[in-house]
Amino acid sequence: MKILCIGEALIDMICTEKGSSLSEGNHFLKKPGGAPTNVAAAIAALGGTVELAAKVGNDPFGKQLISVMREFGVSTRWMIQDNTHFTTFAFVSLLEDGERDFVFNRGADGELTLEEVDAIDLEEVSIIHFGSATGFLPGPLQAAYLGLLQKALQKNIFISFDPNYRHLLFKNNTQDFIDLSWAFLKACHFFKLSDEEAMLITGVNNLDDAATILFKKTSAIFTITLGKEGALFGYDGKTTIIPGIPVKPVDTTGAGDAFVGAVLYQLSNKSLSAIQSLSITDWNKIITNGNKAGARTCEYLGAMEAFKHLTNQIFD
C-alpha cells in the first residue's frame, strides 16, 4: 500500500550571508523544499511507496523539483506542471537578532485544484498526509485540501496532519489558520505539532494544558515535537516524553518532516484497523524511530541532502 502526500513543492532561496537582510544579500543557495515534499522524500528514502500531489510551474525550477522527487523514488504522476503560473519561491535570510527576513513568492503551488485531486485513484492509498503550510491560504489548494480530507473520511483512509505554521504567512489571518487546523485535527488519526503550534492552536501557554485540550477535542494519537528533547507523545488520554537522540546538529531543516515521514513509513504496511490496534509499546517504538530519523537529518546540511542518508537500518 502507498502513502499520498499533498501540498506545496517549492524552491527555497536561502541567503548565505548571515545577518544580511534580503535587500542586502547577494548570494543565495537554491534548495528544493516544501514540507509535504520533504515528507514524501523521507518516506521514499526509507523504502516506502509514496506519491506527491503538488503543482509546480512548467519552468526549470518545477522540472528540478520533479527530477529530485523521481531520484528519491517518489511517484510524480500527480506533480502537475502549470503553464500559467511560475514555481513557488520562498526567500529567507537569518538576521543578526535571530529573526527571519522572509518573502514568499507564491505561484503554482496554490493552483492545485479540487478537480485535479479528485482524479487521483485512492484505491491503493493506505495513508494520506496533509502537511502544507500554504494549504490554508485562500485559493484553489485550500479547496483541494478540504475536498481530499472529506474523500479520505468517506473511504476510511488513515489521515495524518502537520499544520506547519509559518507566522510570516499567517500574521494577518492567524484565526483562519487556527480554525482550519481544528477541522483537520478533529478528523485525522495522527497529527504532529510543534510546541509553538500546540499552544497557538489551543490558546494556552503551556504544553500540559495544550495536551489536555487536544485529548478533549480530538480522538487522534499525537506528538508535540520538542527539538533536542524529543517528542511529547499523546495516547489514550496520557502523555509521555519520548527522549530525543543526541547528535551534533549541522542543520535542523527538515528534521520534523523526517520524523513524520518515518512514522508514516512504519505505518504504511498496516490496515487502518491494525494501526488502531497498536499498543502504547508499539507506538513508543514508532515515535523513537521517528526521533532517530529527525536526528539523522540534523547531521547534514539541507533536508534533501540529509534524506539521502536516511535508511530503515537506523531503526531497531
Foldseek 3Di string as FASTA:
>chain_A
DEEEEEFAWAWEWEQPPAQDAPVGGDHTDIFIDFLSLLLQLLLLLAPGAYEYAFEAAPDPGLVVSLVLSVVSVYDDPRHHHDDPWHGKYKYWHQRPVRDIRIDTRDITRQARALVSLVPDDCPLHQEYEYEGLCCLPDGRSVVNVVSVLVVCLVVVHAYEYENPHDCVVCVPPLVSSLVVVLVRLARHAEYEYEQVRLCSNQVHDDVVVSLQVSVVRHDHWYWHADPQQAIWTDDPHDTDGLGADDDDFPAQPSLQSSLVSQLCSVCRVDHPVVVVPDDPVRVSLSSHVSRQRSRQCRRDPGSSVSSNPDYCVSGD
